[in-house]
């Protein structure tokens, strides 16, 4: 009776081996505590090649030493099931992206003796994701060109008007007319330069250059940059920077760009407000709940609900097509996200707006080597 039961059990094991283990369309391998592959199915051999008496890191990734953050080792330690995306190489040496499920196999006494890894090829999926991201980026560039074309046309019309004023002033010997025309030329040259700069920055993006810096340094630089412009417009610019904020890994130029965009928008919001009041723009920094926080507040024109919904849309601007491209806040949002942070705002029509950047220290990027 026992002999028959053992034969029946062996037949079941053989059936499982033939019809499940070796026939499933995914790669399956079993790894011991010494990183050795002790068994694998046919699909695994087809994809990764010979595996007998070879370590997993050599077969999967072509490495000569164990991976620095091995998920299998973690499963041996805590017995947890893990799911990860990994990068490896197939038997021909070509790169492979795969999704791996890792599960511990326990012995009779409950000890974890092996980890089984089940891998699904997701190379094509990753390629399609990359193509989709690139297509979206190119579509955004195309929409950007269309979105700012009208603004550039207005600038060109301004340049033509300035040139006409200068030329006729020269012909008539009218110095005042020449001066007015020259001022118009200067304003529109500056405006078109800003158009081109914002378009290029948004279209090609920029890599972060992270180093340990004083979080208040870019805020102080922005305040110095805009203090004179604010004063000339009759706007008070106040700065309140918490003095004991510790150094943090930041892209100082990127954070400067973010704060400059927000302060510039705040000044513009005050300049176009229809209410008569003492206008105020405030730039603050502080440490709050493990995060570096910047705020830019103004008591300018503010936004109603419908406008607020469009703030981070491409080309949306409250300045009018002849004054802004709407790309400043998009660029700011991207840089904030590159730092693992978030940007939010509150606004009320004709009462003002508050934009808030939160950068959790735990999510900040690592400083570059030598940075």
Protein backbone atom coordinates (compact mmCIF):
# COMPACT_ATOMS: atom_id res chain seq x y z
CA UNK A 1 0.00 0.00 0.00
CA UNK A 2 2.77 2.45 0.99
CA UNK A 3 4.75 1.44 -2.07
CA UNK A 4 1.77 2.18 -4.30
CA UNK A 5 1.28 5.54 -2.61
CA UNK A 6 4.96 6.42 -3.15
CA UNK A 7 4.72 5.43 -6.83
CA UNK A 8 1.62 7.54 -7.21
CA UNK A 9 3.37 10.51 -5.54
CA UNK A 10 6.36 10.13 -7.85
CA UNK A 11 4.07 10.06 -10.87
CA UNK A 12 2.42 13.29 -9.71
CA UNK A 13 5.81 14.94 -9.27
CA UNK A 14 6.86 13.84 -12.76
CA UNK A 15 3.59 15.14 -14.17
CA UNK A 16 4.06 18.50 -12.44
CA UNK A 17 7.60 18.68 -13.76
CA UNK A 18 6.62 17.90 -17.35
CA UNK A 19 3.33 19.74 -17.62
CA UNK A 20 3.80 22.72 -15.31
CA UNK A 21 7.41 23.46 -14.42
CA UNK A 22 8.81 22.93 -17.92
CA UNK A 23 5.81 24.07 -19.96
CA UNK A 24 4.85 27.42 -18.42
CA UNK A 25 5.86 30.40 -20.62
CA UNK A 26 7.84 32.09 -17.84
CA UNK A 27 11.37 31.55 -16.54
CA UNK A 28 11.55 29.68 -13.23
CA UNK A 29 14.71 29.10 -11.21
CA UNK A 30 15.40 27.83 -7.69
CA UNK A 31 18.30 29.40 -5.80
CA UNK A 32 20.05 28.24 -2.63
CA UNK A 33 21.64 30.37 0.08
CA UNK A 34 24.99 30.35 -1.76
CA UNK A 35 23.43 32.05 -4.81
CA UNK A 36 23.64 28.80 -6.77
CA UNK A 37 20.85 27.85 -9.15
CA UNK A 38 19.88 24.30 -8.19
CA UNK A 39 17.08 23.86 -10.72
CA UNK A 40 15.41 25.73 -13.57
CA UNK A 41 12.81 25.07 -16.21
CA UNK A 42 13.18 24.81 -19.99
CA UNK A 43 12.07 28.37 -20.59
CA UNK A 44 14.79 29.64 -18.28
CA UNK A 45 17.43 27.77 -20.27
CA UNK A 46 16.05 29.13 -23.54
CA UNK A 47 16.32 32.71 -22.30
CA UNK A 48 19.39 32.74 -20.03
CA UNK A 49 21.36 29.72 -21.30
CA UNK A 50 23.16 27.02 -19.31
CA UNK A 51 22.69 27.43 -15.57
CA UNK A 52 24.12 24.26 -14.00
CA UNK A 53 26.54 24.94 -11.14
CA UNK A 54 26.49 28.69 -11.81
CA UNK A 55 25.51 31.54 -9.46
CA UNK A 56 22.34 33.48 -10.16
CA UNK A 57 24.09 36.85 -10.55
CA UNK A 58 26.28 35.41 -13.31
CA UNK A 59 23.41 33.78 -15.19
CA UNK A 60 20.86 36.59 -14.80
CA UNK A 61 23.09 39.64 -15.11
CA UNK A 62 26.51 38.56 -16.36
CA UNK A 63 28.10 39.75 -13.12
CA UNK A 64 31.20 38.31 -11.47
CA UNK A 65 30.03 39.06 -7.92
CA UNK A 66 26.71 39.18 -6.02
CA UNK A 67 24.35 42.11 -6.57
CA UNK A 68 24.68 44.91 -4.02
CA UNK A 69 20.98 44.89 -3.14
CA UNK A 70 19.94 41.28 -3.60
CA UNK A 71 16.21 40.74 -3.07
CA UNK A 72 16.69 36.96 -2.80
CA UNK A 73 18.97 37.44 0.21
CA UNK A 74 16.29 39.61 1.81
CA UNK A 75 13.70 36.86 1.25
CA UNK A 76 16.02 34.30 2.84
CA UNK A 77 16.25 36.62 5.86
CA UNK A 78 12.63 37.59 6.45
CA UNK A 79 10.70 34.98 4.45
CA UNK A 80 8.71 37.62 2.56
CA UNK A 81 7.47 37.33 -1.00
CA UNK A 82 8.89 40.05 -3.22
CA UNK A 83 8.06 41.49 -6.64
CA UNK A 84 10.65 43.58 -8.45
CA UNK A 85 11.60 44.90 -11.84
CA UNK A 86 15.15 43.93 -12.78
CA UNK A 87 17.57 44.39 -15.65
CA UNK A 88 19.53 41.39 -16.92
CA UNK A 89 21.09 39.88 -20.04
CA UNK A 90 19.89 36.99 -22.18
CA UNK A 91 22.13 34.19 -23.39
CA UNK A 92 23.15 36.20 -26.49
CA UNK A 93 24.25 39.10 -24.28
CA UNK A 94 21.33 41.38 -25.17
CA UNK A 95 19.72 43.44 -22.37
CA UNK A 96 16.51 42.14 -20.83
CA UNK A 97 13.95 43.83 -18.59
CA UNK A 98 12.00 41.38 -16.48
CA UNK A 99 9.48 41.31 -13.67
CA UNK A 100 10.45 38.75 -11.02
CA UNK A 101 8.34 37.21 -8.25
CA UNK A 102 10.43 35.74 -5.42
CA UNK A 103 9.02 33.30 -2.88
CA UNK A 104 10.82 31.31 -0.15
CA UNK A 105 10.70 27.50 -0.04
CA UNK A 106 10.78 26.07 3.49
CA UNK A 107 12.08 22.71 4.63
CA UNK A 108 10.34 20.22 6.95
CA UNK A 109 11.42 22.16 10.06
CA UNK A 110 10.30 25.53 8.68
CA UNK A 111 13.76 26.78 7.72
CA UNK A 112 14.07 28.61 4.39
CA UNK A 113 16.25 26.43 2.17
CA UNK A 114 15.59 27.92 -1.26
CA UNK A 115 14.02 30.87 -3.04
CA UNK A 116 12.06 30.31 -6.23
CA UNK A 117 12.17 33.11 -8.80
CA UNK A 118 9.54 33.41 -11.55
CA UNK A 119 10.46 35.93 -14.27
CA UNK A 120 8.34 37.52 -16.99
CA UNK A 121 9.97 39.33 -19.91
CA UNK A 122 8.76 42.96 -19.93
CA UNK A 123 11.38 44.33 -22.35
CA UNK A 124 8.76 45.19 -24.96
CA UNK A 125 6.55 46.84 -22.36
CA UNK A 126 9.44 49.01 -21.15
CA UNK A 127 10.27 49.93 -24.76
CA UNK A 128 6.69 50.97 -25.42
CA UNK A 129 6.65 53.00 -22.20
CA UNK A 130 9.79 54.81 -23.30
CA UNK A 131 8.34 55.47 -26.75
CA UNK A 132 5.15 56.78 -25.15
CA UNK A 133 7.11 59.14 -22.91
CA UNK A 134 9.14 60.37 -25.87
CA UNK A 135 6.00 60.84 -27.96
CA UNK A 136 4.39 62.83 -25.16
CA UNK A 137 7.51 64.98 -24.84
CA UNK A 138 7.60 65.66 -28.58
CA UNK A 139 3.87 66.39 -28.59
CA UNK A 140 4.41 68.86 -25.77
CA UNK A 141 7.20 70.52 -27.76
CA UNK A 142 4.91 70.78 -30.79
CA UNK A 143 2.10 72.24 -28.72
CA UNK A 144 4.56 74.63 -27.15
CA UNK A 145 5.60 75.95 -30.56
CA UNK A 146 1.94 76.49 -31.47
CA UNK A 147 1.17 77.97 -28.08
CA UNK A 148 3.84 80.65 -28.16
CA UNK A 149 3.61 81.46 -31.89
CA UNK A 150 0.94 84.08 -31.25
CA UNK A 151 3.03 85.67 -28.52
CA UNK A 152 6.08 85.84 -30.77
CA UNK A 153 3.97 87.43 -33.50
CA UNK A 154 2.94 90.17 -31.05
CA UNK A 155 6.58 90.71 -30.08
CA UNK A 156 7.60 91.01 -33.73
CA UNK A 157 4.87 93.58 -34.24
CA UNK A 158 6.30 95.50 -31.28
CA UNK A 159 9.77 95.37 -32.82
CA UNK A 160 8.44 96.68 -36.10
CA UNK A 161 6.69 99.51 -34.26
CA UNK A 162 9.88 100.42 -32.42
CA UNK A 163 11.95 100.36 -35.60
CA UNK A 164 9.41 102.62 -37.32
CA UNK A 165 9.52 105.09 -34.43
CA UNK A 166 13.33 105.17 -34.47
CA UNK A 167 13.54 105.58 -38.26
CA UNK A 168 10.94 108.32 -38.45
CA UNK A 169 12.52 110.04 -35.44
CA UNK A 170 15.85 110.12 -37.25
CA UNK A 171 14.24 111.48 -40.40
CA UNK A 172 12.40 114.20 -38.47
CA UNK A 173 15.24 114.91 -36.04
CA UNK A 174 12.87 114.12 -33.15
CA UNK A 175 15.00 112.90 -30.26
CA UNK A 176 11.99 112.15 -28.04
CA UNK A 177 10.48 109.96 -30.78
CA UNK A 178 13.80 108.12 -31.18
CA UNK A 179 14.00 107.53 -27.42
CA UNK A 180 10.45 106.13 -27.32
CA UNK A 181 11.15 103.85 -30.25
CA UNK A 182 14.41 102.63 -28.71
CA UNK A 183 12.65 101.85 -25.43
CA UNK A 184 10.06 99.82 -27.34
CA UNK A 185 12.84 97.91 -29.11
CA UNK A 186 14.59 97.11 -25.82
CA UNK A 187 11.37 95.88 -24.20
CA UNK A 188 10.50 93.60 -27.08
CA UNK A 189 14.03 92.22 -27.49
CA UNK A 190 13.96 91.28 -23.78
CA UNK A 191 10.51 89.76 -24.22
CA UNK A 192 11.46 87.59 -27.19
CA UNK A 193 14.65 86.50 -25.42
CA UNK A 194 12.51 85.29 -22.53
CA UNK A 195 10.19 83.48 -24.94
CA UNK A 196 13.07 81.60 -26.53
CA UNK A 197 14.74 80.78 -23.20
CA UNK A 198 11.56 79.37 -21.67
CA UNK A 199 10.79 77.35 -24.78
CA UNK A 200 14.28 75.80 -24.94
CA UNK A 201 14.33 75.04 -21.23
CA UNK A 202 10.98 73.32 -21.42
CA UNK A 203 11.66 71.46 -24.68
CA UNK A 204 15.02 69.91 -23.84
CA UNK A 205 14.82 69.90 -20.04
CA UNK A 206 17.91 69.95 -17.85
CA UNK A 207 19.65 67.49 -15.61
CA UNK A 208 19.89 68.33 -11.95
CA UNK A 209 23.32 69.27 -10.58
CA UNK A 210 22.92 68.31 -6.93
CA UNK A 211 25.28 69.37 -4.17
CA UNK A 212 25.04 70.12 -0.46
CA UNK A 213 23.97 73.77 -0.26
CA UNK A 214 22.38 76.21 2.13
CA UNK A 215 18.64 76.12 1.25
CA UNK A 216 18.46 79.86 1.94
CA UNK A 217 21.16 80.71 -0.61
CA UNK A 218 18.94 80.58 -3.73
CA UNK A 219 16.19 82.45 -1.85
CA UNK A 220 18.57 85.26 -0.93
CA UNK A 221 19.81 85.48 -4.53
CA UNK A 222 16.26 85.69 -5.89
CA UNK A 223 15.34 88.40 -3.38
CA UNK A 224 18.37 90.46 -4.44
CA UNK A 225 17.50 89.90 -8.10
CA UNK A 226 13.91 91.20 -7.82
CA UNK A 227 14.16 93.80 -5.07
CA UNK A 228 14.84 96.71 -7.44
CA UNK A 229 12.15 95.64 -9.93
CA UNK A 230 9.58 95.37 -7.16
CA UNK A 231 10.53 98.78 -5.73
CA UNK A 232 10.22 100.44 -9.15
CA UNK A 233 6.71 98.99 -9.46
CA UNK A 234 5.71 100.26 -6.03
CA UNK A 235 5.65 96.75 -4.53
CA UNK A 236 7.22 95.87 -1.20
CA UNK A 237 9.28 92.68 -1.33
CA UNK A 238 9.82 91.09 2.07
CA UNK A 239 12.04 88.11 2.87
CA UNK A 240 11.66 85.86 5.93
CA UNK A 241 14.24 83.06 5.89
CA UNK A 242 14.59 80.70 8.85
CA UNK A 243 18.26 81.04 9.81
CA UNK A 244 18.97 77.52 11.14
CA UNK A 245 17.89 75.42 8.13
CA UNK A 246 20.57 72.76 7.67
CA UNK A 247 22.35 72.13 4.39
CA UNK A 248 20.57 69.84 1.94
CA UNK A 249 21.31 68.13 -1.40
CA UNK A 250 19.73 70.54 -3.88
CA UNK A 251 20.17 71.71 -7.44
CA UNK A 252 20.81 75.31 -6.42
CA UNK A 253 20.32 76.69 -9.93
CA UNK A 254 17.08 74.73 -10.29
CA UNK A 255 15.67 75.98 -6.98
CA UNK A 256 16.72 79.51 -7.96
CA UNK A 257 14.72 79.10 -11.19
CA UNK A 258 11.66 77.91 -9.26
CA UNK A 259 11.71 80.79 -6.78
CA UNK A 260 12.48 83.33 -9.51
CA UNK A 261 9.45 82.15 -11.49
CA UNK A 262 7.18 82.38 -8.45
CA UNK A 263 8.44 85.80 -7.32
CA UNK A 264 8.22 87.18 -10.86
CA UNK A 265 4.64 85.90 -11.17
CA UNK A 266 3.75 87.40 -7.78
CA UNK A 267 5.07 90.82 -8.81
CA UNK A 268 3.15 90.63 -12.08
CA UNK A 269 -0.02 89.63 -10.19
CA UNK A 270 0.30 92.81 -8.13
CA UNK A 271 1.01 94.99 -11.15
CA UNK A 272 -2.12 93.87 -13.02
CA UNK A 273 -4.44 94.01 -10.00
CA UNK A 274 -7.28 96.48 -10.38
CA UNK A 275 -7.54 97.22 -6.67
CA UNK A 276 -5.64 100.11 -5.16
CA UNK A 277 -3.66 98.99 -2.13
CA UNK A 278 -0.18 98.65 -0.73
CA UNK A 279 1.10 95.63 -2.64
CA UNK A 280 3.28 93.09 -0.87
CA UNK A 281 5.21 90.02 -2.03
CA UNK A 282 6.72 87.77 0.64
CA UNK A 283 9.35 85.06 0.16
CA UNK A 284 9.82 82.67 3.11
CA UNK A 285 11.78 79.52 3.88
CA UNK A 286 11.60 77.13 6.83
CA UNK A 287 12.06 73.55 8.01
CA UNK A 288 8.75 71.84 8.72
CA UNK A 289 8.10 68.17 9.56
CA UNK A 290 11.34 66.98 7.97
CA UNK A 291 10.84 69.03 4.80
CA UNK A 292 12.33 72.22 3.40
CA UNK A 293 9.47 74.58 2.63
CA UNK A 294 9.51 77.69 0.43
CA UNK A 295 6.51 79.99 0.13
CA UNK A 296 5.87 82.95 -2.14
CA UNK A 297 2.80 85.00 -1.21
CA UNK A 298 1.29 88.10 -2.78
CA UNK A 299 -1.82 90.24 -2.31
CA UNK A 300 -2.28 90.87 -6.04
CA UNK A 301 -5.06 89.94 -8.44
CA UNK A 302 -5.43 86.31 -7.34
CA UNK A 303 -7.37 83.70 -9.32
CA UNK A 304 -10.89 82.40 -9.38
CA UNK A 305 -11.69 78.68 -9.35
CA UNK A 306 -11.77 78.20 -13.13
CA UNK A 307 -8.40 79.89 -13.60
CA UNK A 308 -6.88 77.95 -10.68
CA UNK A 309 -7.64 74.65 -12.43
CA UNK A 310 -5.48 75.65 -15.40
CA UNK A 311 -2.42 76.93 -13.55
CA UNK A 312 -0.20 73.96 -14.40
CA UNK A 313 -1.53 73.55 -17.94
CA UNK A 314 0.74 74.13 -20.91
CA UNK A 315 0.82 77.73 -22.13
CA UNK A 316 -1.68 78.98 -19.58
CA UNK A 317 -0.80 82.42 -18.27
CA UNK A 318 -2.69 85.17 -16.49
CA UNK A 319 -0.32 87.77 -17.96
CA UNK A 320 -1.76 87.77 -21.47
CA UNK A 321 -0.13 86.35 -24.59
CA UNK A 322 2.07 89.40 -25.02
CA UNK A 323 3.66 89.04 -21.59
CA UNK A 324 4.00 85.33 -20.76
CA UNK A 325 4.23 81.83 -22.24
CA UNK A 326 2.77 79.88 -19.32
CA UNK A 327 5.86 77.66 -19.24
CA UNK A 328 7.36 79.09 -16.05
CA UNK A 329 5.12 77.14 -13.68
CA UNK A 330 5.49 73.97 -15.75
CA UNK A 331 9.26 74.26 -15.48
CA UNK A 332 8.96 74.95 -11.75
CA UNK A 333 6.77 71.90 -11.23
CA UNK A 334 9.21 69.68 -13.11
CA UNK A 335 12.21 70.85 -11.09
CA UNK A 336 10.30 70.37 -7.82
CA UNK A 337 9.39 66.82 -8.86
CA UNK A 338 13.04 66.14 -9.73
CA UNK A 339 13.77 66.92 -6.08
CA UNK A 340 11.10 64.47 -4.88
CA UNK A 341 8.90 67.35 -3.74
CA UNK A 342 5.54 68.86 -4.53
CA UNK A 343 4.20 72.33 -5.33
CA UNK A 344 0.76 73.56 -4.32
CA UNK A 345 -1.06 76.86 -4.09
CA UNK A 346 -4.07 78.66 -2.72
CA UNK A 347 -5.59 81.71 -4.33
CA UNK A 348 -8.59 84.00 -4.10
CA UNK A 349 -9.63 86.47 -6.72
CA UNK A 350 -8.44 90.03 -6.00
CA UNK A 351 -7.01 88.95 -2.63
CA UNK A 352 -3.82 87.20 -3.72
CA UNK A 353 -2.08 83.83 -3.97
CA UNK A 354 0.31 81.68 -1.96
CA UNK A 355 2.55 79.16 -3.75
CA UNK A 356 4.20 76.52 -1.57
CA UNK A 357 7.13 74.20 -2.41
CA UNK A 358 7.71 71.24 -0.08
CA UNK A 359 10.92 69.21 -0.39
CA UNK A 360 10.99 66.24 2.05
CA UNK A 361 14.60 65.60 3.04
CA UNK A 362 14.09 61.85 2.76
CA UNK A 363 13.16 62.16 -0.92
CA UNK A 364 15.90 64.57 -2.03
CA UNK A 365 18.35 63.30 -4.69
CA UNK A 366 21.86 62.26 -3.71
CA UNK A 367 24.70 64.73 -4.27
CA UNK A 368 26.71 64.04 -7.40
CA UNK A 369 30.19 62.61 -6.98
CA UNK A 370 32.55 65.54 -6.54
CA UNK A 371 29.61 67.92 -6.24
